[in-house]
Amino acid sequence: MTVLSGWWRGRRGRRARVHAVLVTAVLALALAACGGPSFTYVTNSADRTYLKVPNDWRQIDPKEIEEQVGVEPAEDSSHGLWLEAYDADATPSVTHVFDSPVGTPAPALLVAVQAVPEESRGQLGLDSLRDFFHPVSSAARQQLMAMGGQSPYTGFTEVSDEVLTPGHGIRGVHTVYSYRINGGDAQVFDLTGYLNDDASKVSIALARCSLECFEKRRQEIESVVSSFTVREAA
């Protein structure tokens, strides 16, 4: 090998290394600009249920949920109640997810799938989804009024209500409403519920936060709730 050819090979090697460094730097900048995924995908494959939540909505410890509801969340509805909860607050707490007189300052979310016993299926309809957590339907609110001052729920306001017809053996509702709980501040609830055709399974997603929080972060909440997808097995 001549001195000239050795010099050329050495120069070519240095150029290749510089090129590799530049490519790596460009890729790193591109990835930094794009960032990672902005959502966490919540998946229950067995029940064909899917949802996405922002990365800063952190999951509540299932043990805390178990202590709150008295039931251990199952892997899927064939083993019991599948239940997960997420909180956008800087200090996540299971109390933000369930009824509290104080409205949560950041959105909180509860998603659940539950099998329905055969003897109860004939009693379920779209109003059952609306009333899954709170008395929302006209009939349920009339019963509430009949209780007089004994109910913890007051100041009901319906924001919106629509029937969902995605097909493929699924029907549902999307309803947004507000309540005061035990005389506390007004809280807004954004609920989407699905029922399969034989009423053997209920799937629910409920987001909640204070009225002020809802007004500020409505678009974010709607993005999460609208991502809630349920499919019936073919």
C-alpha atoms as a PDB file:
ATOM      1  CA  MET A   1       0.000   0.000   0.000  1.00  0.00           C
ATOM      2  CA  THR A   2       1.407   3.406  -0.965  1.00  0.00           C
ATOM      3  CA  VAL A   3       1.611   6.338   1.410  1.00  0.00           C
ATOM      4  CA  LEU A   4      -0.966   8.158  -0.735  1.00  0.00           C
ATOM      5  CA  SER A   5      -3.508   5.334  -0.599  1.00  0.00           C
ATOM      6  CA  GLY A   6      -3.012   5.020   3.153  1.00  0.00           C
ATOM      7  CA  TRP A   7      -3.581   8.752   3.576  1.00  0.00           C
ATOM      8  CA  TRP A   8      -6.782   8.553   1.468  1.00  0.00           C
ATOM      9  CA  ARG A   9      -8.178   5.623   3.402  1.00  0.00           C
ATOM     10  CA  GLY A  10      -7.468   7.383   6.682  1.00  0.00           C
ATOM     11  CA  ARG A  11      -9.150  10.557   5.434  1.00  0.00           C
ATOM     12  CA  ARG A  12     -12.144   8.614   4.141  1.00  0.00           C
ATOM     13  CA  GLY A  13     -12.464   6.889   7.510  1.00  0.00           C
ATOM     14  CA  ARG A  14     -12.422  10.226   9.343  1.00  0.00           C
ATOM     15  CA  ARG A  15     -15.057  11.614   6.956  1.00  0.00           C
ATOM     16  CA  ALA A  16     -17.267   8.573   7.557  1.00  0.00           C
ATOM     17  CA  ARG A  17     -16.979   9.010  11.323  1.00  0.00           C
ATOM     18  CA  VAL A  18     -17.836  12.718  11.063  1.00  0.00           C
ATOM     19  CA  HIS A  19     -20.798  11.889   8.822  1.00  0.00           C
ATOM     20  CA  ALA A  20     -22.066   9.301  11.328  1.00  0.00           C
ATOM     21  CA  VAL A  21     -21.787  11.818  14.164  1.00  0.00           C
ATOM     22  CA  LEU A  22     -23.715  14.420  12.164  1.00  0.00           C
ATOM     23  CA  VAL A  23     -26.469  11.940  11.274  1.00  0.00           C
ATOM     24  CA  THR A  24     -26.773  10.910  14.919  1.00  0.00           C
ATOM     25  CA  ALA A  25     -27.013  14.548  16.008  1.00  0.00           C
ATOM     26  CA  VAL A  26     -29.692  15.325  13.403  1.00  0.00           C
ATOM     27  CA  LEU A  27     -31.738  12.290  14.450  1.00  0.00           C
ATOM     28  CA  ALA A  28     -31.451  13.269  18.108  1.00  0.00           C
ATOM     29  CA  LEU A  29     -32.676  16.787  17.334  1.00  0.00           C
ATOM     30  CA  ALA A  30     -35.550  15.427  15.265  1.00  0.00           C
ATOM     31  CA  LEU A  31     -36.624  13.075  18.043  1.00  0.00           C
ATOM     32  CA  ALA A  32     -36.377  15.852  20.603  1.00  0.00           C
ATOM     33  CA  ALA A  33     -38.525  18.102  18.426  1.00  0.00           C
ATOM     34  CA  CYS A  34     -41.137  15.409  17.899  1.00  0.00           C
ATOM     35  CA  GLY A  35     -41.068  14.215  21.510  1.00  0.00           C
ATOM     36  CA  GLY A  36     -42.367  10.868  22.678  1.00  0.00           C
ATOM     37  CA  PRO A  37     -45.989   9.757  22.570  1.00  0.00           C
ATOM     38  CA  SER A  38     -48.175  12.262  24.410  1.00  0.00           C
ATOM     39  CA  PHE A  39     -50.716   9.629  25.451  1.00  0.00           C
ATOM     40  CA  THR A  40     -50.772   6.417  27.433  1.00  0.00           C
ATOM     41  CA  TYR A  41     -52.934   3.725  25.851  1.00  0.00           C
ATOM     42  CA  VAL A  42     -55.187   1.865  28.270  1.00  0.00           C
ATOM     43  CA  THR A  43     -56.062  -1.552  26.888  1.00  0.00           C
ATOM     44  CA  ASN A  44     -58.310  -4.369  28.025  1.00  0.00           C
ATOM     45  CA  SER A  45     -57.856  -6.793  25.140  1.00  0.00           C
ATOM     46  CA  ALA A  46     -60.086  -9.514  26.575  1.00  0.00           C
ATOM     47  CA  ASP A  47     -63.037  -7.108  26.705  1.00  0.00           C
ATOM     48  CA  ARG A  48     -61.973  -5.303  23.511  1.00  0.00           C
ATOM     49  CA  THR A  49     -61.952  -2.003  25.379  1.00  0.00           C
ATOM     50  CA  TYR A  50     -59.503   0.808  24.640  1.00  0.00           C
ATOM     51  CA  LEU A  51     -58.793   4.335  25.832  1.00  0.00           C
ATOM     52  CA  LYS A  52     -55.987   6.862  25.716  1.00  0.00           C
ATOM     53  CA  VAL A  53     -55.062   9.313  28.466  1.00  0.00           C
ATOM     54  CA  PRO A  54     -52.429  12.076  28.531  1.00  0.00           C
ATOM     55  CA  ASN A  55     -49.063  10.997  29.908  1.00  0.00           C
ATOM     56  CA  ASP A  56     -49.405  13.303  32.895  1.00  0.00           C
ATOM     57  CA  TRP A  57     -52.620  11.545  33.995  1.00  0.00           C
ATOM     58  CA  ARG A  58     -51.207   9.007  36.398  1.00  0.00           C
ATOM     59  CA  GLN A  59     -52.811   5.691  37.244  1.00  0.00           C
ATOM     60  CA  ILE A  60     -54.249   5.221  40.732  1.00  0.00           C
ATOM     61  CA  ASP A  61     -52.858   2.222  42.602  1.00  0.00           C
ATOM     62  CA  PRO A  62     -55.322  -0.701  42.203  1.00  0.00           C
ATOM     63  CA  LYS A  63     -54.913  -1.412  45.921  1.00  0.00           C
ATOM     64  CA  GLU A  64     -56.304   2.038  46.726  1.00  0.00           C
ATOM     65  CA  ILE A  65     -59.269   1.363  44.439  1.00  0.00           C
ATOM     66  CA  GLU A  66     -59.844  -1.967  46.166  1.00  0.00           C
ATOM     67  CA  GLU A  67     -59.891  -0.263  49.556  1.00  0.00           C
ATOM     68  CA  GLN A  68     -62.350   2.331  48.256  1.00  0.00           C
ATOM     69  CA  VAL A  69     -64.870   0.026  46.542  1.00  0.00           C
ATOM     70  CA  GLY A  70     -64.300  -3.148  48.552  1.00  0.00           C
ATOM     71  CA  VAL A  71     -63.624  -5.229  45.418  1.00  0.00           C
ATOM     72  CA  GLU A  72     -60.292  -6.213  43.939  1.00  0.00           C
ATOM     73  CA  PRO A  73     -60.128  -5.072  40.289  1.00  0.00           C
ATOM     74  CA  ALA A  74     -60.046  -8.074  37.967  1.00  0.00           C
ATOM     75  CA  GLU A  75     -57.946  -8.708  34.854  1.00  0.00           C
ATOM     76  CA  ASP A  76     -61.107  -8.520  32.747  1.00  0.00           C
ATOM     77  CA  SER A  77     -64.873  -8.815  33.103  1.00  0.00           C
ATOM     78  CA  SER A  78     -64.830 -12.620  32.903  1.00  0.00           C
ATOM     79  CA  HIS A  79     -63.070 -12.617  36.284  1.00  0.00           C
ATOM     80  CA  GLY A  80     -65.085  -9.845  37.927  1.00  0.00           C
ATOM     81  CA  LEU A  81     -65.052  -6.047  37.709  1.00  0.00           C
ATOM     82  CA  TRP A  82     -62.303  -4.610  35.520  1.00  0.00           C
ATOM     83  CA  LEU A  83     -61.588  -1.156  36.879  1.00  0.00           C
ATOM     84  CA  GLU A  84     -58.825   1.406  36.365  1.00  0.00           C
ATOM     85  CA  ALA A  85     -58.541   5.032  37.465  1.00  0.00           C
ATOM     86  CA  TYR A  86     -56.351   7.962  36.436  1.00  0.00           C
ATOM     87  CA  ASP A  87     -55.751  11.384  37.955  1.00  0.00           C
ATOM     88  CA  ALA A  88     -54.291  14.493  36.306  1.00  0.00           C
ATOM     89  CA  ASP A  89     -53.646  16.172  39.662  1.00  0.00           C
ATOM     90  CA  ALA A  90     -50.044  16.775  40.751  1.00  0.00           C
ATOM     91  CA  THR A  91     -50.867  14.669  43.813  1.00  0.00           C
ATOM     92  CA  PRO A  92     -53.044  11.790  42.537  1.00  0.00           C
ATOM     93  CA  SER A  93     -55.582  10.440  44.987  1.00  0.00           C
ATOM     94  CA  VAL A  94     -58.344   7.863  44.856  1.00  0.00           C
ATOM     95  CA  THR A  95     -60.600  10.415  46.582  1.00  0.00           C
ATOM     96  CA  HIS A  96     -60.491  12.529  43.413  1.00  0.00           C
ATOM     97  CA  VAL A  97     -62.094   9.689  41.467  1.00  0.00           C
ATOM     98  CA  PHE A  98     -65.044   8.895  43.701  1.00  0.00           C
ATOM     99  CA  ASP A  99     -67.776  11.145  45.097  1.00  0.00           C
ATOM    100  CA  SER A 100     -66.460  13.957  47.270  1.00  0.00           C
ATOM    101  CA  PRO A 101     -68.100  17.270  48.209  1.00  0.00           C
ATOM    102  CA  VAL A 102     -64.987  19.093  47.019  1.00  0.00           C
ATOM    103  CA  GLY A 103     -64.593  19.285  43.258  1.00  0.00           C
ATOM    104  CA  THR A 104     -61.251  18.044  41.988  1.00  0.00           C
ATOM    105  CA  PRO A 105     -58.938  20.794  40.641  1.00  0.00           C
ATOM    106  CA  ALA A 106     -57.748  18.521  37.819  1.00  0.00           C
ATOM    107  CA  PRO A 107     -59.534  15.869  35.743  1.00  0.00           C
ATOM    108  CA  ALA A 108     -59.891  12.376  37.154  1.00  0.00           C
ATOM    109  CA  LEU A 109     -61.068   9.324  35.229  1.00  0.00           C
ATOM    110  CA  LEU A 110     -62.652   5.988  36.036  1.00  0.00           C
ATOM    111  CA  VAL A 111     -63.041   3.262  33.405  1.00  0.00           C
ATOM    112  CA  ALA A 112     -64.794  -0.020  34.063  1.00  0.00           C
ATOM    113  CA  VAL A 113     -66.171  -3.136  32.387  1.00  0.00           C
ATOM    114  CA  GLN A 114     -68.577  -5.435  34.171  1.00  0.00           C
ATOM    115  CA  ALA A 115     -70.415  -8.577  33.155  1.00  0.00           C
ATOM    116  CA  VAL A 116     -74.172  -8.540  33.809  1.00  0.00           C
ATOM    117  CA  PRO A 117     -75.868 -11.578  35.401  1.00  0.00           C
ATOM    118  CA  GLU A 118     -78.348 -13.220  33.054  1.00  0.00           C
ATOM    119  CA  GLU A 119     -81.304 -12.565  35.359  1.00  0.00           C
ATOM    120  CA  SER A 120     -80.608  -8.807  35.298  1.00  0.00           C
ATOM    121  CA  ARG A 121     -80.096  -8.275  31.586  1.00  0.00           C
ATOM    122  CA  GLY A 122     -83.742  -7.632  30.740  1.00  0.00           C
ATOM    123  CA  GLN A 123     -83.782  -4.663  33.111  1.00  0.00           C
ATOM    124  CA  LEU A 124     -80.935  -2.782  31.449  1.00  0.00           C
ATOM    125  CA  GLY A 125     -81.269  -0.012  28.897  1.00  0.00           C
ATOM    126  CA  LEU A 126     -79.636   3.280  27.993  1.00  0.00           C
ATOM    127  CA  ASP A 127     -80.985   4.969  31.123  1.00  0.00           C
ATOM    128  CA  SER A 128     -79.143   2.340  33.152  1.00  0.00           C
ATOM    129  CA  LEU A 129     -75.923   3.681  31.641  1.00  0.00           C
ATOM    130  CA  ARG A 130     -76.886   7.295  32.364  1.00  0.00           C
ATOM    131  CA  ASP A 131     -77.666   6.398  35.976  1.00  0.00           C
ATOM    132  CA  PHE A 132     -74.673   4.126  36.522  1.00  0.00           C
ATOM    133  CA  PHE A 133     -73.035   6.516  39.007  1.00  0.00           C
ATOM    134  CA  HIS A 134     -75.602   9.258  39.650  1.00  0.00           C
ATOM    135  CA  PRO A 135     -79.335   9.838  39.036  1.00  0.00           C
ATOM    136  CA  VAL A 136     -79.269  11.444  35.579  1.00  0.00           C
ATOM    137  CA  SER A 137     -82.328  10.156  33.691  1.00  0.00           C
ATOM    138  CA  SER A 138     -85.695  11.837  34.257  1.00  0.00           C
ATOM    139  CA  ALA A 139     -87.059   8.783  36.063  1.00  0.00           C
ATOM    140  CA  ALA A 140     -84.062   8.578  38.387  1.00  0.00           C
ATOM    141  CA  ARG A 141     -84.215  12.276  39.207  1.00  0.00           C
ATOM    142  CA  GLN A 142     -87.923  12.039  39.993  1.00  0.00           C
ATOM    143  CA  GLN A 143     -87.110   9.306  42.475  1.00  0.00           C
ATOM    144  CA  LEU A 144     -84.409  11.560  43.866  1.00  0.00           C
ATOM    145  CA  MET A 145     -86.876  14.405  44.363  1.00  0.00           C
ATOM    146  CA  ALA A 146     -89.224  12.038  46.178  1.00  0.00           C
ATOM    147  CA  MET A 147     -86.486  11.508  48.765  1.00  0.00           C
ATOM    148  CA  GLY A 148     -86.660  15.171  49.755  1.00  0.00           C
ATOM    149  CA  GLY A 149     -83.670  16.369  51.743  1.00  0.00           C
ATOM    150  CA  GLN A 150     -82.211  12.887  52.194  1.00  0.00           C
ATOM    151  CA  SER A 151     -80.240  12.823  48.935  1.00  0.00           C
ATOM    152  CA  PRO A 152     -76.607  13.967  48.757  1.00  0.00           C
ATOM    153  CA  TYR A 153     -77.128  15.168  45.159  1.00  0.00           C
ATOM    154  CA  THR A 154     -78.483  18.644  44.379  1.00  0.00           C
ATOM    155  CA  GLY A 155     -78.311  21.269  41.659  1.00  0.00           C
ATOM    156  CA  PHE A 156     -78.502  18.936  38.662  1.00  0.00           C
ATOM    157  CA  THR A 157     -77.739  20.506  35.264  1.00  0.00           C
ATOM    158  CA  GLU A 158     -77.665  18.615  31.990  1.00  0.00           C
ATOM    159  CA  VAL A 159     -74.950  19.937  29.688  1.00  0.00           C
ATOM    160  CA  SER A 160     -75.454  17.496  26.818  1.00  0.00           C
ATOM    161  CA  ASP A 161     -76.850  14.058  26.080  1.00  0.00           C
ATOM    162  CA  GLU A 162     -76.610  11.919  22.961  1.00  0.00           C
ATOM    163  CA  VAL A 163     -77.297   8.335  21.983  1.00  0.00           C
ATOM    164  CA  LEU A 164     -74.329   6.514  20.473  1.00  0.00           C
ATOM    165  CA  THR A 165     -74.807   3.951  17.712  1.00  0.00           C
ATOM    166  CA  PRO A 166     -71.374   2.632  16.749  1.00  0.00           C
ATOM    167  CA  GLY A 167     -72.911  -0.622  15.525  1.00  0.00           C
ATOM    168  CA  HIS A 168     -71.217  -4.011  15.605  1.00  0.00           C
ATOM    169  CA  GLY A 169     -73.399  -5.152  18.499  1.00  0.00           C
ATOM    170  CA  ILE A 170     -72.825  -2.052  20.635  1.00  0.00           C
ATOM    171  CA  ARG A 171     -75.086   0.856  21.655  1.00  0.00           C
ATOM    172  CA  GLY A 172     -74.516   3.569  24.198  1.00  0.00           C
ATOM    173  CA  VAL A 173     -74.861   7.101  25.510  1.00  0.00           C
ATOM    174  CA  HIS A 174     -72.637  10.105  26.045  1.00  0.00           C
ATOM    175  CA  THR A 175     -73.930  12.474  28.694  1.00  0.00           C
ATOM    176  CA  VAL A 176     -72.356  15.461  30.417  1.00  0.00           C
ATOM    177  CA  TYR A 177     -73.962  16.810  33.590  1.00  0.00           C
ATOM    178  CA  SER A 178     -73.188  18.582  36.839  1.00  0.00           C
ATOM    179  CA  TYR A 179     -74.164  17.985  40.460  1.00  0.00           C
ATOM    180  CA  ARG A 180     -73.378  19.321  43.893  1.00  0.00           C
ATOM    181  CA  ILE A 181     -72.519  16.541  46.316  1.00  0.00           C
ATOM    182  CA  ASN A 182     -73.421  17.019  49.973  1.00  0.00           C
ATOM    183  CA  GLY A 183     -73.776  20.731  49.393  1.00  0.00           C
ATOM    184  CA  GLY A 184     -70.279  21.138  47.978  1.00  0.00           C
ATOM    185  CA  ASP A 185     -69.099  22.926  44.864  1.00  0.00           C
ATOM    186  CA  ALA A 186     -70.587  22.110  41.468  1.00  0.00           C
ATOM    187  CA  GLN A 187     -68.789  19.246  39.747  1.00  0.00           C
ATOM    188  CA  VAL A 188     -68.995  18.235  36.104  1.00  0.00           C
ATOM    189  CA  PHE A 189     -69.200  14.597  34.991  1.00  0.00           C
ATOM    190  CA  ASP A 190     -68.525  13.435  31.435  1.00  0.00           C
ATOM    191  CA  LEU A 191     -69.829   9.887  31.016  1.00  0.00           C
ATOM    192  CA  THR A 192     -69.727   7.502  28.080  1.00  0.00           C
ATOM    193  CA  GLY A 193     -71.370   4.129  28.516  1.00  0.00           C
ATOM    194  CA  TYR A 194     -71.831   1.142  26.206  1.00  0.00           C
ATOM    195  CA  LEU A 195     -74.084  -1.900  26.389  1.00  0.00           C
ATOM    196  CA  ASN A 196     -73.830  -4.859  24.052  1.00  0.00           C
ATOM    197  CA  ASP A 197     -76.931  -6.157  22.265  1.00  0.00           C
ATOM    198  CA  ASP A 198     -77.712  -8.959  24.701  1.00  0.00           C
ATOM    199  CA  ALA A 199     -76.996  -6.670  27.694  1.00  0.00           C
ATOM    200  CA  SER A 200     -74.429  -9.114  29.030  1.00  0.00           C
ATOM    201  CA  LYS A 201     -71.719  -6.487  29.477  1.00  0.00           C
ATOM    202  CA  VAL A 202     -71.546  -2.829  30.555  1.00  0.00           C
ATOM    203  CA  SER A 203     -68.563  -0.606  29.712  1.00  0.00           C
ATOM    204  CA  ILE A 204     -68.243   2.826  31.314  1.00  0.00           C
ATOM    205  CA  ALA A 205     -65.809   5.736  31.227  1.00  0.00           C
ATOM    206  CA  LEU A 206     -66.426   8.660  33.592  1.00  0.00           C
ATOM    207  CA  ALA A 207     -64.300  11.803  33.768  1.00  0.00           C
ATOM    208  CA  ARG A 208     -64.916  14.385  36.465  1.00  0.00           C
ATOM    209  CA  CYS A 209     -63.572  17.646  37.832  1.00  0.00           C
ATOM    210  CA  SER A 210     -64.733  20.947  39.289  1.00  0.00           C
ATOM    211  CA  LEU A 211     -66.769  23.335  37.157  1.00  0.00           C
ATOM    212  CA  GLU A 212     -63.807  25.698  36.854  1.00  0.00           C
ATOM    213  CA  CYS A 213     -61.522  22.823  35.877  1.00  0.00           C
ATOM    214  CA  PHE A 214     -63.998  21.603  33.255  1.00  0.00           C
ATOM    215  CA  GLU A 215     -64.255  25.046  31.670  1.00  0.00           C
ATOM    216  CA  LYS A 216     -60.455  25.298  31.409  1.00  0.00           C
ATOM    217  CA  ARG A 217     -59.726  21.740  30.306  1.00  0.00           C
ATOM    218  CA  ARG A 218     -62.861  20.725  28.468  1.00  0.00           C
ATOM    219  CA  GLN A 219     -61.068  19.996  25.200  1.00  0.00           C
ATOM    220  CA  GLU A 220     -58.572  17.729  26.966  1.00  0.00           C
ATOM    221  CA  ILE A 221     -61.349  15.870  28.796  1.00  0.00           C
ATOM    222  CA  GLU A 222     -63.392  15.442  25.637  1.00  0.00           C
ATOM    223  CA  SER A 223     -60.343  14.063  23.848  1.00  0.00           C
ATOM    224  CA  VAL A 224     -59.939  11.382  26.500  1.00  0.00           C
ATOM    225  CA  VAL A 225     -63.604  10.408  26.728  1.00  0.00           C
ATOM    226  CA  SER A 226     -64.090  10.365  22.951  1.00  0.00           C
ATOM    227  CA  SER A 227     -61.185   7.913  22.644  1.00  0.00           C
ATOM    228  CA  PHE A 228     -63.112   5.343  24.711  1.00  0.00           C
ATOM    229  CA  THR A 229     -63.720   2.475  22.287  1.00  0.00           C
ATOM    230  CA  VAL A 230     -65.527  -0.806  22.805  1.00  0.00           C
ATOM    231  CA  ARG A 231     -65.807  -3.630  20.286  1.00  0.00           C
ATOM    232  CA  GLU A 232     -68.009  -6.694  20.431  1.00  0.00           C
ATOM    233  CA  ALA A 233     -66.408 -10.009  19.575  1.00  0.00           C
ATOM    234  CA  ALA A 234     -67.142 -11.091  16.007  1.00  0.00           C
END
